[in-house]
Each structure stands twice: as structure tokens, then as C-alpha cells.
Amino acid sequence: MHEFSVAQNIVEIVTGSFRNSGAKKIVSVEIDVGTLSGVIIDALEFAMNSAKKESPIENAIVKINDIQAKAKCNECKKEFELSDFFSICTYCSSTNFEIIKGKELKVKSIEVE
């Protein structure tokens, strides 16, 4: 389960930012996870609960946003949702498209006091 190493990296990123901020407490952390990122959100939530123990984010609220993948077709120019990398345009059945959203895996925000 690589989600645990992802969770550990998130804790390190947030902890580093917190220590550099001079703040007293981390209130919340918001994470964006795209459906094509290769990360399973339920597994990441489980891993975060373990990884954040005995860290500055132990008592922080962790919100994970599920970002639905979208693409723009290079043939018909329409946007459509993707279920995986091997999808086809739902309008013209083309496989010639650009993924515009859904590969994200990032710390979106950190709220401190």
C-alpha cells in the first residue's frame, strides 16, 4: 500500500511548512487527489490517521477532495469525464484527447493559528 508513504510525505510537507510559518497550531489540512493519481482515497484516509500521530497535525482536520478526471477532445473540442487513461471521448469516440484534470496529488491548503 503506497498510500502510507504518500501520507508520510504529506505529513512531512505540512510539518515543514508549519515550522517555517511561526504558527502555534495546525487547524486543518486540505488535500486534492485526482481519480487518475493512482491513490485510493479510503486507503489514504486510513494511512493519514496513522501517519499524523505524534506530529503537529495529529489533532488537525484532514479533508481529502476527490477530483474527477476530465479531458478535452482534440477532435471535437468538447470536455468529458474520464474513468481511466484508456477512455474515449463520450461525444465522438476519439482517443485523441488531453487530460486537463484528475492527476492531482497535492496539499491544497494548510490552516494554522
PDB file of N, CA and C in Angstrom:
ATOM      1  N   MET A   1       0.849  -1.182   0.000  1.00  0.00           N
ATOM      2  CA  MET A   1       0.000   0.000   0.000  1.00  0.00           C
ATOM      3  C   MET A   1       0.891   1.241   0.000  1.00  0.00           C
ATOM      4  N   HIS A   2       1.014   1.879  -1.153  1.00  0.00           N
ATOM      5  CA  HIS A   2       1.862   3.066  -1.248  1.00  0.00           C
ATOM      6  C   HIS A   2       1.213   4.296  -0.645  1.00  0.00           C
ATOM      7  N   GLU A   3      -0.059   4.208  -0.289  1.00  0.00           N
ATOM      8  CA  GLU A   3      -0.747   5.337   0.322  1.00  0.00           C
ATOM      9  C   GLU A   3      -0.112   5.728   1.648  1.00  0.00           C
ATOM     10  N   PHE A   4       0.490   4.764   2.353  1.00  0.00           N
ATOM     11  CA  PHE A   4       1.132   5.114   3.616  1.00  0.00           C
ATOM     12  C   PHE A   4       2.349   5.991   3.375  1.00  0.00           C
ATOM     13  N   SER A   5       3.139   5.697   2.359  1.00  0.00           N
ATOM     14  CA  SER A   5       4.286   6.568   2.074  1.00  0.00           C
ATOM     15  C   SER A   5       3.816   7.934   1.578  1.00  0.00           C
ATOM     16  N   VAL A   6       2.703   7.976   0.848  1.00  0.00           N
ATOM     17  CA  VAL A   6       2.120   9.249   0.434  1.00  0.00           C
ATOM     18  C   VAL A   6       1.695  10.036   1.673  1.00  0.00           C
ATOM     19  N   ALA A   7       1.043   9.373   2.615  1.00  0.00           N
ATOM     20  CA  ALA A   7       0.601  10.030   3.848  1.00  0.00           C
ATOM     21  C   ALA A   7       1.792  10.560   4.643  1.00  0.00           C
ATOM     22  N   GLN A   8       2.861   9.782   4.730  1.00  0.00           N
ATOM     23  CA  GLN A   8       4.061  10.241   5.438  1.00  0.00           C
ATOM     24  C   GLN A   8       4.653  11.479   4.760  1.00  0.00           C
ATOM     25  N   ASN A   9       4.675  11.490   3.432  1.00  0.00           N
ATOM     26  CA  ASN A   9       5.187  12.656   2.708  1.00  0.00           C
ATOM     27  C   ASN A   9       4.312  13.877   2.940  1.00  0.00           C
ATOM     28  N   ILE A  10       3.002  13.693   2.982  1.00  0.00           N
ATOM     29  CA  ILE A  10       2.091  14.809   3.254  1.00  0.00           C
ATOM     30  C   ILE A  10       2.366  15.370   4.640  1.00  0.00           C
ATOM     31  N   VAL A  11       2.519  14.498   5.630  1.00  0.00           N
ATOM     32  CA  VAL A  11       2.817  14.947   6.994  1.00  0.00           C
ATOM     33  C   VAL A  11       4.131  15.724   7.017  1.00  0.00           C
ATOM     34  N   GLU A  12       5.146  15.259   6.311  1.00  0.00           N
ATOM     35  CA  GLU A  12       6.432  15.961   6.254  1.00  0.00           C
ATOM     36  C   GLU A  12       6.299  17.335   5.602  1.00  0.00           C
ATOM     37  N   ILE A  13       5.551  17.415   4.506  1.00  0.00           N
ATOM     38  CA  ILE A  13       5.339  18.688   3.812  1.00  0.00           C
ATOM     39  C   ILE A  13       4.624  19.680   4.722  1.00  0.00           C
ATOM     40  N   VAL A  14       3.542  19.224   5.337  1.00  0.00           N
ATOM     41  CA  VAL A  14       2.746  20.098   6.199  1.00  0.00           C
ATOM     42  C   VAL A  14       3.553  20.514   7.424  1.00  0.00           C
ATOM     43  N   THR A  15       4.270  19.585   8.028  1.00  0.00           N
ATOM     44  CA  THR A  15       5.078  19.888   9.203  1.00  0.00           C
ATOM     45  C   THR A  15       6.169  20.905   8.866  1.00  0.00           C
ATOM     46  N   GLY A  16       6.823  20.745   7.720  1.00  0.00           N
ATOM     47  CA  GLY A  16       7.853  21.693   7.301  1.00  0.00           C
ATOM     48  C   GLY A  16       7.296  23.091   7.097  1.00  0.00           C
ATOM     49  N   SER A  17       6.154  23.186   6.450  1.00  0.00           N
ATOM     50  CA  SER A  17       5.515  24.488   6.233  1.00  0.00           C
ATOM     51  C   SER A  17       5.100  25.113   7.560  1.00  0.00           C
ATOM     52  N   PHE A  18       4.568  24.294   8.448  1.00  0.00           N
ATOM     53  CA  PHE A  18       4.128  24.770   9.758  1.00  0.00           C
ATOM     54  C   PHE A  18       5.303  25.332  10.552  1.00  0.00           C
ATOM     55  N   ARG A  19       6.400  24.612  10.585  1.00  0.00           N
ATOM     56  CA  ARG A  19       7.569  25.064  11.359  1.00  0.00           C
ATOM     57  C   ARG A  19       8.148  26.354  10.800  1.00  0.00           C
ATOM     58  N   ASN A  20       8.072  26.529   9.488  1.00  0.00           N
ATOM     59  CA  ASN A  20       8.582  27.753   8.866  1.00  0.00           C
ATOM     60  C   ASN A  20       7.627  28.934   9.026  1.00  0.00           C
ATOM     61  N   SER A  21       6.378  28.668   9.386  1.00  0.00           N
ATOM     62  CA  SER A  21       5.375  29.734   9.459  1.00  0.00           C
ATOM     63  C   SER A  21       5.392  30.498  10.776  1.00  0.00           C
ATOM     64  N   GLY A  22       5.886  29.893  11.829  1.00  0.00           N
ATOM     65  CA  GLY A  22       5.848  30.520  13.140  1.00  0.00           C
ATOM     66  C   GLY A  22       4.488  30.413  13.814  1.00  0.00           C
ATOM     67  N   ALA A  23       3.567  29.677  13.233  1.00  0.00           N
ATOM     68  CA  ALA A  23       2.234  29.492  13.806  1.00  0.00           C
ATOM     69  C   ALA A  23       2.310  28.569  15.022  1.00  0.00           C
ATOM     70  N   LYS A  24       1.244  28.588  15.813  1.00  0.00           N
ATOM     71  CA  LYS A  24       1.213  27.790  17.036  1.00  0.00           C
ATOM     72  C   LYS A  24       0.543  26.436  16.860  1.00  0.00           C
ATOM     73  N   LYS A  25      -0.368  26.355  15.891  1.00  0.00           N
ATOM     74  CA  LYS A  25      -1.174  25.143  15.783  1.00  0.00           C
ATOM     75  C   LYS A  25      -1.678  24.974  14.350  1.00  0.00           C
ATOM     76  N   ILE A  26      -1.744  23.736  13.899  1.00  0.00           N
ATOM     77  CA  ILE A  26      -2.357  23.422  12.603  1.00  0.00           C
ATOM     78  C   ILE A  26      -3.808  23.059  12.864  1.00  0.00           C
ATOM     79  N   VAL A  27      -4.716  23.793  12.222  1.00  0.00           N
ATOM     80  CA  VAL A  27      -6.144  23.574  12.412  1.00  0.00           C
ATOM     81  C   VAL A  27      -6.671  22.549  11.412  1.00  0.00           C
ATOM     82  N   SER A  28      -6.294  22.722  10.136  1.00  0.00           N
ATOM     83  CA  SER A  28      -6.790  21.801   9.107  1.00  0.00           C
ATOM     84  C   SER A  28      -5.820  21.716   7.941  1.00  0.00           C
ATOM     85  N   VAL A  29      -5.948  20.613   7.216  1.00  0.00           N
ATOM     86  CA  VAL A  29      -5.158  20.365   6.014  1.00  0.00           C
ATOM     87  C   VAL A  29      -6.127  19.880   4.942  1.00  0.00           C
ATOM     88  N   GLU A  30      -6.006  20.453   3.746  1.00  0.00           N
ATOM     89  CA  GLU A  30      -6.867  20.048   2.636  1.00  0.00           C
ATOM     90  C   GLU A  30      -5.986  19.472   1.529  1.00  0.00           C
ATOM     91  N   ILE A  31      -6.367  18.301   1.043  1.00  0.00           N
ATOM     92  CA  ILE A  31      -5.576  17.575   0.047  1.00  0.00           C
ATOM     93  C   ILE A  31      -6.451  17.293  -1.166  1.00  0.00           C
ATOM     94  N   ASP A  32      -5.903  17.532  -2.369  1.00  0.00           N
ATOM     95  CA  ASP A  32      -6.586  17.190  -3.618  1.00  0.00           C
ATOM     96  C   ASP A  32      -6.007  15.886  -4.156  1.00  0.00           C
ATOM     97  N   VAL A  33      -6.886  14.937  -4.470  1.00  0.00           N
ATOM     98  CA  VAL A  33      -6.474  13.646  -5.021  1.00  0.00           C
ATOM     99  C   VAL A  33      -7.304  13.380  -6.274  1.00  0.00           C
ATOM    100  N   GLY A  34      -6.645  13.343  -7.413  1.00  0.00           N
ATOM    101  CA  GLY A  34      -7.332  13.069  -8.672  1.00  0.00           C
ATOM    102  C   GLY A  34      -7.644  11.592  -8.842  1.00  0.00           C
ATOM    103  N   THR A  35      -8.716  11.313  -9.573  1.00  0.00           N
ATOM    104  CA  THR A  35      -9.115   9.919  -9.776  1.00  0.00           C
ATOM    105  C   THR A  35      -8.114   9.143 -10.626  1.00  0.00           C
ATOM    106  N   LEU A  36      -7.223   9.847 -11.325  1.00  0.00           N
ATOM    107  CA  LEU A  36      -6.185   9.179 -12.116  1.00  0.00           C
ATOM    108  C   LEU A  36      -4.807   9.247 -11.445  1.00  0.00           C
ATOM    109  N   SER A  37      -4.761   9.658 -10.187  1.00  0.00           N
ATOM    110  CA  SER A  37      -3.475   9.818  -9.484  1.00  0.00           C
ATOM    111  C   SER A  37      -2.869   8.492  -9.055  1.00  0.00           C
ATOM    112  N   GLY A  38      -3.676   7.449  -9.022  1.00  0.00           N
ATOM    113  CA  GLY A  38      -3.189   6.154  -8.560  1.00  0.00           C
ATOM    114  C   GLY A  38      -3.312   5.978  -7.060  1.00  0.00           C
ATOM    115  N   VAL A  39      -3.941   6.951  -6.391  1.00  0.00           N
ATOM    116  CA  VAL A  39      -4.113   6.889  -4.941  1.00  0.00           C
ATOM    117  C   VAL A  39      -5.572   6.566  -4.632  1.00  0.00           C
ATOM    118  N   ILE A  40      -5.770   5.600  -3.764  1.00  0.00           N
ATOM    119  CA  ILE A  40      -7.120   5.223  -3.328  1.00  0.00           C
ATOM    120  C   ILE A  40      -7.448   6.050  -2.088  1.00  0.00           C
ATOM    121  N   ILE A  41      -8.499   6.849  -2.184  1.00  0.00           N
ATOM    122  CA  ILE A  41      -8.815   7.801  -1.119  1.00  0.00           C
ATOM    123  C   ILE A  41      -9.078   7.121   0.215  1.00  0.00           C
ATOM    124  N   ASP A  42      -9.829   6.035   0.241  1.00  0.00           N
ATOM    125  CA  ASP A  42     -10.097   5.334   1.509  1.00  0.00           C
ATOM    126  C   ASP A  42      -8.795   4.862   2.155  1.00  0.00           C
ATOM    127  N   ALA A  43      -7.890   4.357   1.352  1.00  0.00           N
ATOM    128  CA  ALA A  43      -6.596   3.892   1.865  1.00  0.00           C
ATOM    129  C   ALA A  43      -5.758   5.070   2.359  1.00  0.00           C
ATOM    130  N   LEU A  44      -5.825   6.209   1.655  1.00  0.00           N
ATOM    131  CA  LEU A  44      -5.088   7.393   2.089  1.00  0.00           C
ATOM    132  C   LEU A  44      -5.647   7.922   3.405  1.00  0.00           C
ATOM    133  N   GLU A  45      -6.965   7.938   3.566  1.00  0.00           N
ATOM    134  CA  GLU A  45      -7.567   8.377   4.828  1.00  0.00           C
ATOM    135  C   GLU A  45      -7.095   7.502   5.985  1.00  0.00           C
ATOM    136  N   PHE A  46      -7.087   6.202   5.781  1.00  0.00           N
ATOM    137  CA  PHE A  46      -6.615   5.266   6.798  1.00  0.00           C
ATOM    138  C   PHE A  46      -5.146   5.532   7.126  1.00  0.00           C
ATOM    139  N   ALA A  47      -4.335   5.686   6.089  1.00  0.00           N
ATOM    140  CA  ALA A  47      -2.899   5.932   6.274  1.00  0.00           C
ATOM    141  C   ALA A  47      -2.638   7.272   6.963  1.00  0.00           C
ATOM    142  N   MET A  48      -3.422   8.301   6.615  1.00  0.00           N
ATOM    143  CA  MET A  48      -3.248   9.617   7.244  1.00  0.00           C
ATOM    144  C   MET A  48      -3.525   9.549   8.742  1.00  0.00           C
ATOM    145  N   ASN A  49      -4.539   8.795   9.139  1.00  0.00           N
ATOM    146  CA  ASN A  49      -4.848   8.664  10.566  1.00  0.00           C
ATOM    147  C   ASN A  49      -3.671   8.087  11.339  1.00  0.00           C
ATOM    148  N   SER A  50      -2.954   7.191  10.723  1.00  0.00           N
ATOM    149  CA  SER A  50      -1.784   6.599  11.363  1.00  0.00           C
ATOM    150  C   SER A  50      -0.568   7.518  11.274  1.00  0.00           C
ATOM    151  N   ALA A  51      -0.317   8.090  10.094  1.00  0.00           N
ATOM    152  CA  ALA A  51       0.887   8.897   9.864  1.00  0.00           C
ATOM    153  C   ALA A  51       0.898  10.199  10.655  1.00  0.00           C
ATOM    154  N   LYS A  52      -0.263  10.750  10.947  1.00  0.00           N
ATOM    155  CA  LYS A  52      -0.298  12.048  11.621  1.00  0.00           C
ATOM    156  C   LYS A  52      -0.137  11.953  13.142  1.00  0.00           C
ATOM    157  N   LYS A  53      -0.166  10.732  13.681  1.00  0.00           N
ATOM    158  CA  LYS A  53       0.004  10.566  15.124  1.00  0.00           C
ATOM    159  C   LYS A  53       1.383  11.063  15.554  1.00  0.00           C
ATOM    160  N   GLU A  54       1.381  11.750  16.711  1.00  0.00           N
ATOM    161  CA  GLU A  54       2.609  12.301  17.292  1.00  0.00           C
ATOM    162  C   GLU A  54       3.321  13.273  16.356  1.00  0.00           C
ATOM    163  N   SER A  55       2.542  13.991  15.555  1.00  0.00           N
ATOM    164  CA  SER A  55       3.080  15.032  14.674  1.00  0.00           C
ATOM    165  C   SER A  55       2.289  16.315  14.920  1.00  0.00           C
ATOM    166  N   PRO A  56       2.746  17.435  14.391  1.00  0.00           N
ATOM    167  CA  PRO A  56       1.991  18.687  14.572  1.00  0.00           C
ATOM    168  C   PRO A  56       0.585  18.666  13.976  1.00  0.00           C
ATOM    169  N   ILE A  57       0.284  17.711  13.105  1.00  0.00           N
ATOM    170  CA  ILE A  57      -1.076  17.672  12.537  1.00  0.00           C
ATOM    171  C   ILE A  57      -1.960  16.603  13.184  1.00  0.00           C
ATOM    172  N   GLU A  58      -1.498  16.063  14.311  1.00  0.00           N
ATOM    173  CA  GLU A  58      -2.246  14.988  14.967  1.00  0.00           C
ATOM    174  C   GLU A  58      -3.704  15.367  15.237  1.00  0.00           C
ATOM    175  N   ASN A  59      -3.963  16.586  15.663  1.00  0.00           N
ATOM    176  CA  ASN A  59      -5.330  16.999  16.010  1.00  0.00           C
ATOM    177  C   ASN A  59      -5.987  17.841  14.922  1.00  0.00           C
ATOM    178  N   ALA A  60      -5.334  17.983  13.790  1.00  0.00           N
ATOM    179  CA  ALA A  60      -5.887  18.782  12.694  1.00  0.00           C
ATOM    180  C   ALA A  60      -6.958  17.997  11.941  1.00  0.00           C
ATOM    181  N   ILE A  61      -7.882  18.738  11.371  1.00  0.00           N
ATOM    182  CA  ILE A  61      -8.886  18.142  10.489  1.00  0.00           C
ATOM    183  C   ILE A  61      -8.221  17.937   9.127  1.00  0.00           C
ATOM    184  N   VAL A  62      -8.313  16.742   8.592  1.00  0.00           N
ATOM    185  CA  VAL A  62      -7.757  16.450   7.271  1.00  0.00           C
ATOM    186  C   VAL A  62      -8.915  16.204   6.315  1.00  0.00           C
ATOM    187  N   LYS A  63      -9.008  17.063   5.305  1.00  0.00           N
ATOM    188  CA  LYS A  63     -10.067  16.930   4.297  1.00  0.00           C
ATOM    189  C   LYS A  63      -9.418  16.503   2.986  1.00  0.00           C
ATOM    190  N   ILE A  64      -9.940  15.435   2.402  1.00  0.00           N
ATOM    191  CA  ILE A  64      -9.425  14.940   1.131  1.00  0.00           C
ATOM    192  C   ILE A  64     -10.486  15.145   0.061  1.00  0.00           C
ATOM    193  N   ASN A  65     -10.136  15.918  -0.959  1.00  0.00           N
ATOM    194  CA  ASN A  65     -11.044  16.198  -2.071  1.00  0.00           C
ATOM    195  C   ASN A  65     -10.798  15.216  -3.202  1.00  0.00           C
ATOM    196  N   ASP A  66     -11.852  14.580  -3.662  1.00  0.00           N
ATOM    197  CA  ASP A  66     -11.794  13.645  -4.789  1.00  0.00           C
ATOM    198  C   ASP A  66     -12.006  14.447  -6.078  1.00  0.00           C
ATOM    199  N   ILE A  67     -10.956  14.591  -6.882  1.00  0.00           N
ATOM    200  CA  ILE A  67     -11.016  15.387  -8.103  1.00  0.00           C
ATOM    201  C   ILE A  67     -11.287  14.460  -9.292  1.00  0.00           C
ATOM    202  N   GLN A  68     -12.473  14.590  -9.865  1.00  0.00           N
ATOM    203  CA  GLN A  68     -12.872  13.766 -11.006  1.00  0.00           C
ATOM    204  C   GLN A  68     -12.038  14.132 -12.240  1.00  0.00           C
ATOM    205  N   ALA A  69     -11.520  13.130 -12.912  1.00  0.00           N
ATOM    206  CA  ALA A  69     -10.711  13.346 -14.109  1.00  0.00           C
ATOM    207  C   ALA A  69     -11.555  13.867 -15.261  1.00  0.00           C
ATOM    208  N   LYS A  70     -10.985  14.822 -15.983  1.00  0.00           N
ATOM    209  CA  LYS A  70     -11.635  15.372 -17.176  1.00  0.00           C
ATOM    210  C   LYS A  70     -10.594  15.499 -18.281  1.00  0.00           C
ATOM    211  N   ALA A  71     -11.088  15.440 -19.498  1.00  0.00           N
ATOM    212  CA  ALA A  71     -10.223  15.586 -20.669  1.00  0.00           C
ATOM    213  C   ALA A  71     -10.893  16.513 -21.667  1.00  0.00           C
ATOM    214  N   LYS A  72     -10.074  17.028 -22.584  1.00  0.00           N
ATOM    215  CA  LYS A  72     -10.601  17.822 -23.696  1.00  0.00           C
ATOM    216  C   LYS A  72     -10.211  17.100 -24.978  1.00  0.00           C
ATOM    217  N   CYS A  73     -11.213  16.803 -25.769  1.00  0.00           N
ATOM    218  CA  CYS A  73     -11.001  16.080 -27.018  1.00  0.00           C
ATOM    219  C   CYS A  73     -10.324  16.993 -28.031  1.00  0.00           C
ATOM    220  N   ASN A  74      -9.294  16.495 -28.675  1.00  0.00           N
ATOM    221  CA  ASN A  74      -8.592  17.265 -29.708  1.00  0.00           C
ATOM    222  C   ASN A  74      -9.329  17.235 -31.048  1.00  0.00           C
ATOM    223  N   GLU A  75     -10.312  16.356 -31.175  1.00  0.00           N
ATOM    224  CA  GLU A  75     -11.082  16.254 -32.423  1.00  0.00           C
ATOM    225  C   GLU A  75     -12.324  17.154 -32.385  1.00  0.00           C
ATOM    226  N   CYS A  76     -13.204  16.911 -31.402  1.00  0.00           N
ATOM    227  CA  CYS A  76     -14.463  17.678 -31.343  1.00  0.00           C
ATOM    228  C   CYS A  76     -14.392  18.872 -30.389  1.00  0.00           C
ATOM    229  N   LYS A  77     -13.281  18.991 -29.632  1.00  0.00           N
ATOM    230  CA  LYS A  77     -13.022  20.118 -28.723  1.00  0.00           C
ATOM    231  C   LYS A  77     -13.921  20.167 -27.494  1.00  0.00           C
ATOM    232  N   LYS A  78     -14.643  19.089 -27.207  1.00  0.00           N
ATOM    233  CA  LYS A  78     -15.524  19.058 -26.049  1.00  0.00           C
ATOM    234  C   LYS A  78     -14.801  18.448 -24.854  1.00  0.00           C
ATOM    235  N   GLU A  79     -15.228  18.852 -23.654  1.00  0.00           N
ATOM    236  CA  GLU A  79     -14.694  18.282 -22.424  1.00  0.00           C
ATOM    237  C   GLU A  79     -15.592  17.142 -21.962  1.00  0.00           C
ATOM    238  N   PHE A  80     -14.965  16.124 -21.377  1.00  0.00           N
ATOM    239  CA  PHE A  80     -15.717  14.967 -20.880  1.00  0.00           C
ATOM    240  C   PHE A  80     -14.987  14.351 -19.705  1.00  0.00           C
ATOM    241  N   GLU A  81     -15.730  13.612 -18.869  1.00  0.00           N
ATOM    242  CA  GLU A  81     -15.143  12.933 -17.722  1.00  0.00           C
ATOM    243  C   GLU A  81     -14.471  11.639 -18.157  1.00  0.00           C
ATOM    244  N   LEU A  82     -13.362  11.339 -17.488  1.00  0.00           N
ATOM    245  CA  LEU A  82     -12.615  10.106 -17.761  1.00  0.00           C
ATOM    246  C   LEU A  82     -12.790   9.142 -16.604  1.00  0.00           C
ATOM    247  N   SER A  83     -12.899   7.871 -16.912  1.00  0.00           N
ATOM    248  CA  SER A  83     -12.912   6.869 -15.854  1.00  0.00           C
ATOM    249  C   SER A  83     -11.530   6.230 -15.701  1.00  0.00           C
ATOM    250  N   ASP A  84     -10.727   6.264 -16.768  1.00  0.00           N
ATOM    251  CA  ASP A  84      -9.362   5.749 -16.727  1.00  0.00           C
ATOM    252  C   ASP A  84      -8.583   6.321 -17.913  1.00  0.00           C
ATOM    253  N   PHE A  85      -7.305   5.967 -17.997  1.00  0.00           N
ATOM    254  CA  PHE A  85      -6.444   6.507 -19.060  1.00  0.00           C
ATOM    255  C   PHE A  85      -6.820   5.986 -20.451  1.00  0.00           C
ATOM    256  N   PHE A  86      -7.596   4.925 -20.512  1.00  0.00           N
ATOM    257  CA  PHE A  86      -7.932   4.296 -21.792  1.00  0.00           C
ATOM    258  C   PHE A  86      -9.348   4.629 -22.255  1.00  0.00           C
ATOM    259  N   SER A  87      -9.903   5.697 -21.731  1.00  0.00           N
ATOM    260  CA  SER A  87     -11.250   6.122 -22.105  1.00  0.00           C
ATOM    261  C   SER A  87     -11.261   6.673 -23.525  1.00  0.00           C
ATOM    262  N   ILE A  88     -12.470   6.865 -24.024  1.00  0.00           N
ATOM    263  CA  ILE A  88     -12.652   7.510 -25.321  1.00  0.00           C
ATOM    264  C   ILE A  88     -13.580   8.703 -25.129  1.00  0.00           C
ATOM    265  N   CYS A  89     -13.531   9.638 -26.045  1.00  0.00           N
ATOM    266  CA  CYS A  89     -14.404  10.803 -25.989  1.00  0.00           C
ATOM    267  C   CYS A  89     -15.859  10.328 -26.009  1.00  0.00           C
ATOM    268  N   THR A  90     -16.633  10.807 -25.082  1.00  0.00           N
ATOM    269  CA  THR A  90     -18.033  10.395 -24.998  1.00  0.00           C
ATOM    270  C   THR A  90     -18.903  11.055 -26.072  1.00  0.00           C
ATOM    271  N   TYR A  91     -18.334  12.014 -26.796  1.00  0.00           N
ATOM    272  CA  TYR A  91     -19.087  12.703 -27.847  1.00  0.00           C
ATOM    273  C   TYR A  91     -18.784  12.155 -29.232  1.00  0.00           C
ATOM    274  N   CYS A  92     -17.489  11.917 -29.533  1.00  0.00           N
ATOM    275  CA  CYS A  92     -17.131  11.499 -30.901  1.00  0.00           C
ATOM    276  C   CYS A  92     -16.343  10.187 -30.956  1.00  0.00           C
ATOM    277  N   SER A  93     -16.103   9.569 -29.802  1.00  0.00           N
ATOM    278  CA  SER A  93     -15.389   8.286 -29.680  1.00  0.00           C
ATOM    279  C   SER A  93     -13.907   8.355 -30.048  1.00  0.00           C
ATOM    280  N   SER A  94     -13.348   9.541 -30.077  1.00  0.00           N
ATOM    281  CA  SER A  94     -11.919   9.692 -30.370  1.00  0.00           C
ATOM    282  C   SER A  94     -11.078   9.298 -29.153  1.00  0.00           C
ATOM    283  N   THR A  95      -9.869   8.836 -29.421  1.00  0.00           N
ATOM    284  CA  THR A  95      -8.906   8.577 -28.347  1.00  0.00           C
ATOM    285  C   THR A  95      -7.840   9.666 -28.309  1.00  0.00           C
ATOM    286  N   ASN A  96      -8.031  10.706 -29.096  1.00  0.00           N
ATOM    287  CA  ASN A  96      -7.087  11.825 -29.191  1.00  0.00           C
ATOM    288  C   ASN A  96      -7.574  12.950 -28.272  1.00  0.00           C
ATOM    289  N   PHE A  97      -7.098  12.928 -27.025  1.00  0.00           N
ATOM    290  CA  PHE A  97      -7.528  13.930 -26.055  1.00  0.00           C
ATOM    291  C   PHE A  97      -6.396  14.289 -25.111  1.00  0.00           C
ATOM    292  N   GLU A  98      -6.573  15.422 -24.423  1.00  0.00           N
ATOM    293  CA  GLU A  98      -5.626  15.895 -23.415  1.00  0.00           C
ATOM    294  C   GLU A  98      -6.311  15.804 -22.057  1.00  0.00           C
ATOM    295  N   ILE A  99      -5.631  15.224 -21.095  1.00  0.00           N
ATOM    296  CA  ILE A  99      -6.165  15.185 -19.733  1.00  0.00           C
ATOM    297  C   ILE A  99      -5.951  16.565 -19.123  1.00  0.00           C
ATOM    298  N   ILE A 100      -7.030  17.187 -18.657  1.00  0.00           N
ATOM    299  CA  ILE A 100      -6.929  18.538 -18.104  1.00  0.00           C
ATOM    300  C   ILE A 100      -7.112  18.568 -16.584  1.00  0.00           C
ATOM    301  N   LYS A 101      -7.586  17.480 -16.014  1.00  0.00           N
ATOM    302  CA  LYS A 101      -7.816  17.439 -14.575  1.00  0.00           C
ATOM    303  C   LYS A 101      -7.930  15.985 -14.146  1.00  0.00           C
ATOM    304  N   GLY A 102      -7.432  15.695 -12.934  1.00  0.00           N
ATOM    305  CA  GLY A 102      -7.622  14.360 -12.387  1.00  0.00           C
ATOM    306  C   GLY A 102      -6.356  13.607 -12.042  1.00  0.00           C
ATOM    307  N   LYS A 103      -5.178  14.184 -12.358  1.00  0.00           N
ATOM    308  CA  LYS A 103      -3.925  13.534 -11.994  1.00  0.00           C
ATOM    309  C   LYS A 103      -3.317  14.159 -10.733  1.00  0.00           C
ATOM    310  N   GLU A 104      -4.041  15.109 -10.129  1.00  0.00           N
ATOM    311  CA  GLU A 104      -3.530  15.840  -8.984  1.00  0.00           C
ATOM    312  C   GLU A 104      -3.272  14.942  -7.772  1.00  0.00           C
ATOM    313  N   LEU A 105      -2.262  15.302  -7.039  1.00  0.00           N
ATOM    314  CA  LEU A 105      -2.000  14.776  -5.708  1.00  0.00           C
ATOM    315  C   LEU A 105      -1.201  15.860  -5.007  1.00  0.00           C
ATOM    316  N   LYS A 106      -1.923  16.717  -4.269  1.00  0.00           N
ATOM    317  CA  LYS A 106      -1.239  17.879  -3.690  1.00  0.00           C
ATOM    318  C   LYS A 106      -1.905  18.332  -2.401  1.00  0.00           C
ATOM    319  N   VAL A 107      -1.098  18.983  -1.574  1.00  0.00           N
ATOM    320  CA  VAL A 107      -1.620  19.657  -0.402  1.00  0.00           C
ATOM    321  C   VAL A 107      -2.172  20.979  -0.905  1.00  0.00           C
ATOM    322  N   LYS A 108      -3.485  21.125  -0.839  1.00  0.00           N
ATOM    323  CA  LYS A 108      -4.136  22.323  -1.368  1.00  0.00           C
ATOM    324  C   LYS A 108      -4.038  23.496  -0.394  1.00  0.00           C
ATOM    325  N   SER A 109      -4.246  23.219   0.894  1.00  0.00           N
ATOM    326  CA  SER A 109      -4.175  24.300   1.866  1.00  0.00           C
ATOM    327  C   SER A 109      -3.853  23.764   3.264  1.00  0.00           C
ATOM    328  N   ILE A 110      -3.291  24.672   4.054  1.00  0.00           N
ATOM    329  CA  ILE A 110      -2.984  24.387   5.452  1.00  0.00           C
ATOM    330  C   ILE A 110      -3.508  25.575   6.251  1.00  0.00           C
ATOM    331  N   GLU A 111      -4.415  25.323   7.180  1.00  0.00           N
ATOM    332  CA  GLU A 111      -4.939  26.391   8.034  1.00  0.00           C
ATOM    333  C   GLU A 111      -4.258  26.308   9.392  1.00  0.00           C
ATOM    334  N   VAL A 112      -3.673  27.425   9.816  1.00  0.00           N
ATOM    335  CA  VAL A 112      -2.957  27.467  11.099  1.00  0.00           C
ATOM    336  C   VAL A 112      -3.516  28.579  11.984  1.00  0.00           C
ATOM    337  N   GLU A 113      -3.165  28.503  13.256  1.00  0.00           N
ATOM    338  CA  GLU A 113      -3.484  29.590  14.206  1.00  0.00           C
ATOM    339  C   GLU A 113      -2.199  30.221  14.663  1.00  0.00           C
TER     340      GLU A 113
END
